C-alpha cells in the first residue's frame, strides 16, 4: 500500500464517466484530460506487456554476467516507465523534457549501490552490515517526515513523482541486508539492481527475499502461462469491476452524495471500503505475481483468504502477509530478543504485547504520518495483543457460548465478528477527523 494507495482511487474516466473525452480549446480540438488518462492506461498496458515478454526471453538465456547486466538495465527502464505511467506524465506532463527520467532511477540506484557496498565491507567492518540495514529505512523515514513536498529538495518539478516505489524498495533492501550472510555465492551488483528494481513488485510488493528471486535467475522454473493469464485477468476484474462497484457505496460515494450519513450508511460504507481495498490491493497483487511468474521470477503470496480470518491476529497472517513478516523479522523479533535479555523476569510478561502495539503503531505510520493512521495501527495492535493474551477465549461467558454453539458455528461467529471489527477499523484508515465530520454532517 503506502504511496500506491492513491492510485486505487483513480479511475480511467474520472467522476463524469466515459463521456467528454474531447474538449474545444484554442487553437482547435485537443484531447481532454480524461482522454489522455485513457491513452495513458493503454500505453502503460502496452509497456508492461513489452517488459514481460522481453524479460521472459532474456531469462531463458544462460546465466552470465552479460545477462545479469541486461536484466538490471531492463528493470531500471521498466521501473522508470512505470513511474511515468503512475504519475500520468508520459503523455500530459513536461517531465520528459526536464530529464527526470535520468534523475528518478539514479537516486534509487545510488541507495542500492551504497547498501551493496556496505554489505561487501561488512566482512571487515561488522557495523557496516547494520548501517546497510538501517540506511533504506532512514531514507524512507526522511521522505515520509518531509511529507508530499519531500521531492522539492531536489527540484520542484520532480514533486509529481512523490518518490514512487520508495517504500517497497526500502523494504526489499533491508530484507536483503538481513539475509546477506546466508547468500552463497555473493550476488553481483547487477543481480542486486535487478532484484531491487524488479517492475512487477516495485510499486505495491509483495516483499520477497532475494534468495527466492535468485531461484529464477539460477534456473528455468516451470511456467504455467494459462494459470498466470487467468490470475491476471481475475485480478483485473477485481480492480475494474468489483472495485469500481464497491467504491460507489464506500466513503467516496457518501461524500459525493452531499447528505448527512446515518449510522447505517456509515456501516455499509465501512464494509464496502474494506472489500474495495481488498479487491484493489489483491487484484494488483494477482497481476504482479502473474507477471513475475511469466518472467520466471518466483515471488511470495501476499493474501491468503483474509476475509475468512477468525481473529485479528489471524487476519494479519492472511492480509498483506509479506509486510507483516517484514515487521516481524526486522522489527519485532530483534526488539523482543534484545529486551528479553536485559529486562528482569517480572517485566518480560508484558514485553510481547507492548512490543506488538508499538510495531502496529509503526505499521499505521508507514501509511502516512497522520493521527488517523496512528490510531488505526494502535487499534489493531491492541486487538492482536489481546488475542496473544488469549482474549476473548478466557472470558467465561464466551467459553460457555463456544461450548453451546459448537466449533463450526463458533467459527462462523468469530469470522463475522472479525470482519466487522476490521471493516469498522478501516474507517480510521480511510478518513481524517475532519473528513469523517463532513460525512456525518453532509458538508454543512
Protein backbone atom coordinates (compact mmCIF):
# COMPACT_ATOMS: atom_id res chain seq x y z
CA UNK A 1 0.00 0.00 0.00
CA UNK A 2 1.82 3.18 1.04
CA UNK A 3 2.17 5.70 -1.76
CA UNK A 4 0.38 3.34 -4.16
CA UNK A 5 -2.87 3.73 -2.21
CA UNK A 6 -3.97 6.86 -4.04
CA UNK A 7 -3.77 5.03 -7.36
CA UNK A 8 -6.62 2.78 -6.20
CA UNK A 9 -8.96 5.76 -6.06
CA UNK A 10 -8.44 6.97 -9.60
CA UNK A 11 -10.47 5.52 -12.46
CA UNK A 12 -9.60 5.99 -16.14
CA UNK A 13 -12.72 8.06 -16.87
CA UNK A 14 -12.92 10.31 -13.81
CA UNK A 15 -16.14 11.13 -11.98
CA UNK A 16 -18.01 12.15 -15.15
CA UNK A 17 -17.76 8.75 -16.77
CA UNK A 18 -16.63 7.88 -20.29
CA UNK A 19 -18.11 10.94 -21.96
CA UNK A 20 -16.42 14.23 -22.71
CA UNK A 21 -13.14 12.87 -23.98
CA UNK A 22 -12.61 15.80 -26.34
CA UNK A 23 -12.86 19.44 -25.44
CA UNK A 24 -12.57 22.53 -27.65
CA UNK A 25 -9.68 24.80 -26.83
CA UNK A 26 -7.73 27.29 -28.91
CA UNK A 27 -6.28 26.83 -31.39
CA UNK A 28 -8.52 23.83 -32.01
CA UNK A 29 -9.55 20.35 -30.89
CA UNK A 30 -7.27 18.65 -28.38
CA UNK A 31 -7.51 15.62 -26.09
CA UNK A 32 -9.20 16.24 -22.77
CA UNK A 33 -7.54 15.11 -19.52
CA UNK A 34 -9.86 12.07 -19.47
CA UNK A 35 -8.81 11.02 -22.95
CA UNK A 36 -5.16 11.47 -22.05
CA UNK A 37 -5.78 9.28 -18.99
CA UNK A 38 -7.27 6.52 -21.16
CA UNK A 39 -4.40 6.79 -23.63
CA UNK A 40 -2.04 6.65 -20.69
CA UNK A 41 -3.68 3.43 -19.47
CA UNK A 42 -3.30 1.81 -22.90
CA UNK A 43 0.30 2.96 -23.20
CA UNK A 44 1.06 1.62 -19.72
CA UNK A 45 -0.52 -1.75 -20.56
CA UNK A 46 1.47 -2.00 -23.80
CA UNK A 47 4.68 -1.10 -21.98
CA UNK A 48 4.07 -3.65 -19.23
CA UNK A 49 3.36 -6.42 -21.74
CA UNK A 50 6.51 -5.50 -23.68
CA UNK A 51 8.56 -5.70 -20.49
CA UNK A 52 7.16 -9.12 -19.54
CA UNK A 53 7.93 -10.54 -22.99
CA UNK A 54 11.46 -9.11 -23.13
CA UNK A 55 12.31 -10.15 -19.55
CA UNK A 56 10.95 -13.68 -20.08
CA UNK A 57 13.04 -14.10 -23.23
CA UNK A 58 16.12 -12.66 -21.53
CA UNK A 59 15.96 -15.06 -18.59
CA UNK A 60 15.87 -18.01 -20.99
CA UNK A 61 19.47 -17.20 -21.91
CA UNK A 62 22.37 -18.77 -19.97
CA UNK A 63 23.11 -17.16 -16.60
CA UNK A 64 26.09 -14.94 -17.39
CA UNK A 65 27.37 -11.56 -16.23
CA UNK A 66 26.09 -10.09 -19.52
CA UNK A 67 22.58 -11.38 -18.90
CA UNK A 68 22.66 -10.07 -15.33
CA UNK A 69 23.59 -6.58 -16.55
CA UNK A 70 20.97 -6.65 -19.30
CA UNK A 71 18.26 -7.72 -16.86
CA UNK A 72 19.27 -4.95 -14.44
CA UNK A 73 19.07 -2.27 -17.16
CA UNK A 74 15.78 -3.66 -18.45
CA UNK A 75 14.32 -3.49 -14.94
CA UNK A 76 15.52 0.10 -14.45
CA UNK A 77 13.89 1.03 -17.75
CA UNK A 78 10.69 -0.75 -16.74
CA UNK A 79 10.52 0.99 -13.37
CA UNK A 80 11.14 4.37 -14.99
CA UNK A 81 8.29 3.71 -17.40
CA UNK A 82 6.05 2.68 -14.50
CA UNK A 83 6.85 5.94 -12.73
CA UNK A 84 5.72 7.97 -15.72
CA UNK A 85 2.60 5.84 -16.10
CA UNK A 86 1.81 6.09 -12.40
CA UNK A 87 2.07 9.89 -12.36
CA UNK A 88 0.35 10.43 -15.74
CA UNK A 89 3.49 12.10 -17.05
CA UNK A 90 4.13 10.04 -20.18
CA UNK A 91 1.68 11.98 -22.36
CA UNK A 92 0.42 15.02 -20.47
CA UNK A 93 3.42 16.19 -18.47
CA UNK A 94 6.57 18.07 -19.33
CA UNK A 95 8.81 15.97 -17.11
CA UNK A 96 10.29 14.19 -20.12
CA UNK A 97 11.90 17.47 -21.17
CA UNK A 98 13.24 18.01 -17.64
CA UNK A 99 15.39 14.86 -17.61
CA UNK A 100 13.52 13.39 -14.65
CA UNK A 101 13.86 10.05 -16.44
CA UNK A 102 17.55 10.21 -15.56
CA UNK A 103 17.18 11.59 -12.05
CA UNK A 104 14.43 9.27 -10.81
CA UNK A 105 16.28 5.92 -11.13
CA UNK A 106 19.65 7.50 -10.34
CA UNK A 107 18.66 8.41 -6.77
CA UNK A 108 17.36 4.89 -6.11
CA UNK A 109 20.36 3.33 -7.82
CA UNK A 110 22.66 5.31 -5.54
CA UNK A 111 20.80 3.95 -2.49
CA UNK A 112 21.09 0.36 -3.77
CA UNK A 113 24.79 0.88 -4.52
CA UNK A 114 25.51 2.22 -1.04
CA UNK A 115 23.73 -0.72 0.59
CA UNK A 116 25.64 -3.23 -1.55
CA UNK A 117 28.98 -1.54 -0.87
CA UNK A 118 28.34 -1.55 2.88
CA UNK A 119 27.44 -5.23 2.81
CA UNK A 120 30.63 -6.04 0.92
CA UNK A 121 32.57 -4.16 3.59
CA UNK A 122 30.74 -5.88 6.46
CA UNK A 123 33.20 -8.78 6.41
CA UNK A 124 35.98 -6.43 7.56
CA UNK A 125 33.76 -3.91 9.40
CA UNK A 126 30.77 -5.63 11.08
CA UNK A 127 28.95 -2.36 11.74
CA UNK A 128 28.68 -1.80 8.00
CA UNK A 129 26.04 -4.52 7.86
CA UNK A 130 23.94 -2.74 10.49
CA UNK A 131 24.26 0.55 8.61
CA UNK A 132 23.24 -1.21 5.40
CA UNK A 133 20.04 -2.45 7.10
CA UNK A 134 19.21 0.96 8.53
CA UNK A 135 20.05 3.12 5.51
CA UNK A 136 16.98 2.29 3.36
CA UNK A 137 14.62 2.73 6.31
CA UNK A 138 16.23 6.04 7.27
CA UNK A 139 15.83 7.26 3.69
CA UNK A 140 12.16 6.27 3.75
CA UNK A 141 11.57 7.92 7.14
CA UNK A 142 13.25 11.12 5.97
CA UNK A 143 10.99 11.35 2.94
CA UNK A 144 7.87 10.48 4.97
CA UNK A 145 8.76 13.08 7.61
CA UNK A 146 9.10 15.72 4.92
CA UNK A 147 5.68 14.82 3.54
CA UNK A 148 4.47 15.32 -0.02
CA UNK A 149 6.96 18.14 -0.60
CA UNK A 150 9.96 15.98 0.14
CA UNK A 151 10.88 15.77 -3.52
CA UNK A 152 11.20 19.55 -3.60
CA UNK A 153 14.61 19.09 -2.01
CA UNK A 154 15.74 18.07 -5.47
CA UNK A 155 13.64 20.31 -7.65
CA UNK A 156 10.02 21.43 -7.63
CA UNK A 157 9.30 19.86 -10.99
CA UNK A 158 10.06 16.40 -9.58
CA UNK A 159 7.38 16.54 -6.88
CA UNK A 160 4.85 14.88 -9.18
CA UNK A 161 6.70 11.59 -8.77
CA UNK A 162 6.34 11.62 -4.98
CA UNK A 163 9.19 9.13 -4.52
CA UNK A 164 7.08 6.41 -6.10
CA UNK A 165 8.08 2.89 -5.05
CA UNK A 166 10.49 4.01 -2.32
CA UNK A 167 8.65 2.15 0.45
CA UNK A 168 8.94 -1.26 -1.14
CA UNK A 169 12.46 -0.57 -2.40
CA UNK A 170 13.47 0.20 1.19
CA UNK A 171 11.76 -2.94 2.49
CA UNK A 172 13.42 -5.12 -0.15
CA UNK A 173 16.90 -3.73 0.51
CA UNK A 174 16.54 -4.02 4.29
CA UNK A 175 15.41 -7.64 3.93
CA UNK A 176 18.28 -8.24 1.50
CA UNK A 177 20.74 -6.86 4.08
CA UNK A 178 19.32 -9.19 6.72
CA UNK A 179 19.79 -12.28 4.54
CA UNK A 180 23.18 -11.23 3.12
CA UNK A 181 25.23 -13.52 5.38
CA UNK A 182 23.22 -16.55 4.16
CA UNK A 183 23.76 -15.89 0.44
CA UNK A 184 26.39 -18.03 -1.25
CA UNK A 185 27.83 -17.11 -3.68
CA UNK A 186 27.57 -13.38 -3.07
CA UNK A 187 25.31 -11.79 -5.67
CA UNK A 188 26.74 -9.44 -8.30
CA UNK A 189 25.85 -5.79 -8.08
CA UNK A 190 23.82 -6.14 -11.28
CA UNK A 191 21.89 -9.02 -9.71
CA UNK A 192 21.07 -6.81 -6.72
CA UNK A 193 19.94 -3.99 -9.03
CA UNK A 194 17.72 -6.40 -10.96
CA UNK A 195 16.19 -7.54 -7.67
CA UNK A 196 15.68 -4.03 -6.26
CA UNK A 197 14.13 -2.65 -9.47
CA UNK A 198 12.02 -5.68 -10.41
CA UNK A 199 8.97 -3.92 -12.02
CA UNK A 200 6.15 -6.41 -11.18
CA UNK A 201 6.71 -5.93 -7.43
CA UNK A 202 8.16 -2.41 -7.44
CA UNK A 203 5.02 -0.38 -6.67
CA UNK A 204 3.00 -2.50 -4.23
CA UNK A 205 5.02 -5.63 -3.46
CA UNK A 206 4.93 -8.43 -2.48
CA UNK A 207 8.15 -8.09 -0.47
CA UNK A 208 10.05 -11.22 -1.48
CA UNK A 209 13.52 -12.17 -0.24
CA UNK A 210 16.48 -12.16 -2.60
CA UNK A 211 17.01 -15.91 -2.12
CA UNK A 212 13.62 -16.59 -3.73
CA UNK A 213 14.33 -14.11 -6.52
CA UNK A 214 17.68 -15.79 -7.18
CA UNK A 215 15.97 -19.13 -7.85
CA UNK A 216 14.51 -17.65 -11.03
CA UNK A 217 17.92 -16.32 -12.06
CA UNK A 218 19.69 -19.62 -11.49
CA UNK A 219 17.31 -21.99 -13.26
CA UNK A 220 14.45 -22.04 -15.75
CA UNK A 221 11.50 -22.61 -13.49
CA UNK A 222 8.36 -24.25 -14.95
CA UNK A 223 5.80 -21.70 -16.15
CA UNK A 224 2.06 -22.18 -16.41
CA UNK A 225 1.04 -19.44 -18.83
CA UNK A 226 -2.66 -20.34 -18.76
CA UNK A 227 -2.83 -20.17 -14.97
CA UNK A 228 -0.84 -16.92 -14.90
CA UNK A 229 -3.08 -15.36 -17.54
CA UNK A 230 -6.22 -16.44 -15.69
CA UNK A 231 -4.91 -14.98 -12.45
CA UNK A 232 -4.03 -11.68 -14.14
CA UNK A 233 -7.49 -11.43 -15.70
CA UNK A 234 -9.16 -12.22 -12.38
CA UNK A 235 -7.02 -9.56 -10.72
CA UNK A 236 -8.04 -7.05 -13.39
CA UNK A 237 -11.71 -7.94 -12.83
CA UNK A 238 -11.30 -7.31 -9.09
CA UNK A 239 -9.95 -3.84 -9.83
CA UNK A 240 -12.04 -2.71 -12.79
CA UNK A 241 -15.39 -4.32 -11.94
CA UNK A 242 -15.78 -5.26 -8.27
CA UNK A 243 -13.59 -2.44 -7.03
CA UNK A 244 -15.47 0.18 -9.04
CA UNK A 245 -18.85 -1.06 -7.80
CA UNK A 246 -17.73 -1.14 -4.18
CA UNK A 247 -16.14 2.30 -4.41
CA UNK A 248 -19.52 3.81 -5.31
CA UNK A 249 -21.03 2.76 -1.99
CA UNK A 250 -17.89 3.34 0.10
CA UNK A 251 -16.89 6.62 1.75
CA UNK A 252 -16.19 8.35 -1.54
CA UNK A 253 -19.76 7.67 -2.62
CA UNK A 254 -21.08 9.01 0.69
CA UNK A 255 -19.03 12.18 0.32
CA UNK A 256 -20.25 12.82 -3.23
CA UNK A 257 -23.90 12.44 -2.14
CA UNK A 258 -23.66 15.64 -0.10
CA UNK A 259 -26.16 14.42 2.51
CA UNK A 260 -25.62 13.65 6.21
CA UNK A 261 -24.68 9.99 6.64
CA UNK A 262 -26.50 7.97 9.26
CA UNK A 263 -25.15 5.02 11.22
CA UNK A 264 -26.49 2.52 8.68
CA UNK A 265 -24.86 4.34 5.77
CA UNK A 266 -21.54 4.57 7.61
CA UNK A 267 -21.65 0.85 8.47
CA UNK A 268 -22.38 -0.07 4.86
CA UNK A 269 -19.65 2.29 3.64
CA UNK A 270 -17.10 0.76 6.02
CA UNK A 271 -17.90 -2.76 4.77
CA UNK A 272 -17.75 -1.59 1.15
CA UNK A 273 -14.45 0.23 1.69
CA UNK A 274 -12.84 -2.82 3.31
CA UNK A 275 -13.94 -5.03 0.41
CA UNK A 276 -12.89 -2.31 -2.06
CA UNK A 277 -9.38 -2.21 -0.60
CA UNK A 278 -9.19 -5.98 -0.72
CA UNK A 279 -10.31 -6.16 -4.36
CA UNK A 280 -7.92 -3.43 -5.47
CA UNK A 281 -4.88 -4.47 -3.45
CA UNK A 282 -5.23 -8.20 -4.01
CA UNK A 283 -6.13 -7.53 -7.66
CA UNK A 284 -2.91 -5.61 -8.27
CA UNK A 285 -1.04 -8.32 -6.37
CA UNK A 286 -2.57 -11.03 -8.58
CA UNK A 287 -1.37 -9.18 -11.68
CA UNK A 288 2.10 -8.64 -10.19
CA UNK A 289 2.54 -12.31 -9.23
CA UNK A 290 1.22 -13.48 -12.59
CA UNK A 291 3.61 -11.17 -14.48
CA UNK A 292 6.55 -12.30 -12.34
CA UNK A 293 5.63 -15.94 -13.00
CA UNK A 294 5.65 -15.39 -16.76
CA UNK A 295 9.04 -13.66 -16.48
CA UNK A 296 10.33 -16.63 -14.50
CA UNK A 297 10.87 -14.99 -11.09
CA UNK A 298 9.01 -16.54 -8.11
CA UNK A 299 7.56 -14.13 -5.55
CA UNK A 300 5.72 -14.70 -2.30
CA UNK A 301 1.97 -14.67 -1.90
CA UNK A 302 0.58 -11.59 -0.18
CA UNK A 303 -3.02 -12.63 0.59
CA UNK A 304 -4.46 -15.89 1.86
CA UNK A 305 -8.25 -15.52 2.21
CA UNK A 306 -8.10 -12.69 4.78
CA UNK A 307 -11.88 -12.30 4.79
CA UNK A 308 -12.17 -15.72 6.49
CA UNK A 309 -9.95 -14.85 9.48
CA UNK A 310 -11.48 -15.73 12.85
CA UNK A 311 -9.42 -13.21 14.86
CA UNK A 312 -7.49 -10.01 14.24
CA UNK A 313 -4.24 -11.88 14.89
CA UNK A 314 -5.17 -14.43 12.24
CA UNK A 315 -6.22 -11.61 9.89
CA UNK A 316 -2.68 -10.24 9.89
CA UNK A 317 -1.31 -13.66 8.93
CA UNK A 318 -3.56 -13.53 5.85
CA UNK A 319 -3.59 -9.83 4.87
CA UNK A 320 -0.50 -8.17 3.35
CA UNK A 321 1.49 -11.18 4.51
CA UNK A 322 4.90 -10.01 3.35
CA UNK A 323 4.59 -6.66 5.12
CA UNK A 324 3.62 -8.40 8.36
CA UNK A 325 6.52 -10.82 8.02
CA UNK A 326 8.90 -7.92 7.34
CA UNK A 327 7.89 -6.08 10.50
CA UNK A 328 8.02 -9.34 12.46
CA UNK A 329 11.53 -10.33 11.35
CA UNK A 330 13.14 -6.89 11.03
CA UNK A 331 11.49 -5.02 13.93
CA UNK A 332 9.55 -7.26 16.35
CA UNK A 333 11.90 -10.22 16.82
CA UNK A 334 15.11 -8.15 17.28
CA UNK A 335 13.43 -5.82 19.79
CA UNK A 336 11.90 -8.65 21.84
CA UNK A 337 15.15 -10.61 21.74
CA UNK A 338 17.28 -7.74 23.00
CA UNK A 339 14.87 -6.53 25.65
CA UNK A 340 14.24 -10.06 26.95
CA UNK A 341 17.93 -10.36 27.80
CA UNK A 342 18.00 -7.02 29.62
CA UNK A 343 14.66 -6.83 31.42
CA UNK A 344 14.06 -8.54 34.78
CA UNK A 345 11.89 -11.68 34.65
CA UNK A 346 8.94 -9.89 36.23
CA UNK A 347 8.78 -7.42 33.31
CA UNK A 348 9.07 -9.93 30.49
CA UNK A 349 5.41 -10.93 30.56
CA UNK A 350 4.42 -7.52 29.20
CA UNK A 351 7.21 -7.43 26.62
CA UNK A 352 5.41 -9.19 23.76
CA UNK A 353 2.07 -7.32 23.95
CA UNK A 354 3.72 -3.91 24.43
CA UNK A 355 6.09 -4.52 21.51
CA UNK A 356 3.18 -5.75 19.41
CA UNK A 357 1.28 -2.49 19.96
CA UNK A 358 4.42 -0.49 19.16
CA UNK A 359 5.05 -2.39 15.93
CA UNK A 360 1.47 -1.89 14.77
CA UNK A 361 1.81 1.81 15.53
CA UNK A 362 4.73 1.81 13.08
CA UNK A 363 2.59 -0.07 10.55
CA UNK A 364 -0.03 2.65 10.82
CA UNK A 365 2.51 5.46 10.49
CA UNK A 366 4.06 3.75 7.47
CA UNK A 367 0.88 4.54 5.58
CA UNK A 368 1.30 8.21 6.47
CA UNK A 369 2.35 10.50 9.28
CA UNK A 370 -1.17 11.37 10.46
CA UNK A 371 -3.21 10.80 13.61
CA UNK A 372 -5.83 8.63 11.93
CA UNK A 373 -3.16 6.24 10.59
CA UNK A 374 -1.54 6.10 14.04
CA UNK A 375 -4.91 5.36 15.65
CA UNK A 376 -5.58 2.64 13.07
CA UNK A 377 -2.28 0.98 13.99
CA UNK A 378 -2.93 1.27 17.72
CA UNK A 379 -6.42 -0.25 17.42
CA UNK A 380 -5.09 -3.25 15.54
CA UNK A 381 -2.07 -3.56 17.84
CA UNK A 382 -4.28 -3.69 20.91
CA UNK A 383 -6.59 -6.24 19.28
CA UNK A 384 -3.67 -8.51 18.32
CA UNK A 385 -2.16 -8.15 21.81
CA UNK A 386 -5.49 -9.23 23.31
CA UNK A 387 -5.53 -12.27 21.01
CA UNK A 388 -1.96 -13.11 22.07
CA UNK A 389 -3.07 -12.99 25.70
CA UNK A 390 -5.86 -15.46 25.00
CA UNK A 391 -8.73 -12.99 24.99
CA UNK A 392 -11.62 -13.20 24.48
CA UNK A 393 -11.38 -17.00 24.92
CA UNK A 394 -10.57 -16.55 28.62
CA UNK A 395 -13.89 -14.86 29.32
CA UNK A 396 -16.26 -17.34 30.95
CA UNK A 397 -19.43 -16.23 29.07
CA UNK A 398 -17.69 -16.64 25.72
CA UNK A 399 -16.31 -20.05 26.70
CA UNK A 400 -19.82 -21.12 27.61
CA UNK A 401 -21.17 -19.77 24.32
CA UNK A 402 -18.43 -21.61 22.44
CA UNK A 403 -19.45 -24.88 24.07
CA UNK A 404 -23.12 -24.23 23.36
CA UNK A 405 -22.69 -23.35 19.67
CA UNK A 406 -20.06 -25.91 18.74
CA UNK A 407 -16.82 -25.39 16.84
CA UNK A 408 -18.35 -24.90 13.37
CA UNK A 409 -20.94 -22.29 14.36
CA UNK A 410 -18.45 -20.58 16.67
CA UNK A 411 -16.05 -20.24 13.73
CA UNK A 412 -18.77 -18.51 11.70
CA UNK A 413 -19.48 -16.12 14.59
CA UNK A 414 -15.77 -15.40 15.06
CA UNK A 415 -15.24 -14.75 11.35
CA UNK A 416 -18.25 -12.42 11.25
CA UNK A 417 -17.06 -10.52 14.33
CA UNK A 418 -13.52 -10.19 12.94
CA UNK A 419 -14.80 -8.99 9.56
CA UNK A 420 -16.96 -6.36 11.25
CA UNK A 421 -14.16 -5.17 13.53
CA UNK A 422 -11.64 -4.87 10.70
CA UNK A 423 -14.13 -3.14 8.41
CA UNK A 424 -15.01 -0.58 11.08
CA UNK A 425 -11.33 0.00 11.86
CA UNK A 426 -10.71 0.88 8.22
CA UNK A 427 -12.96 3.88 8.79
CA UNK A 428 -9.97 5.31 10.66
CA UNK A 429 -7.69 4.37 7.78
CA UNK A 430 -9.87 6.00 5.14
CA UNK A 431 -10.85 9.27 6.82
CA UNK A 432 -9.27 12.04 8.79
CA UNK A 433 -11.30 13.52 11.66
CA UNK A 434 -12.41 16.45 9.51
CA UNK A 435 -13.39 14.15 6.64
CA UNK A 436 -15.45 11.98 8.98
CA UNK A 437 -17.22 15.05 10.36
CA UNK A 438 -18.00 16.11 6.80
CA UNK A 439 -19.56 12.71 6.12
CA UNK A 440 -21.70 12.89 9.23
CA UNK A 441 -22.80 16.47 8.62
CA UNK A 442 -23.16 16.19 4.84
CA UNK A 443 -20.68 19.03 4.32
CA UNK A 444 -22.72 21.53 6.31
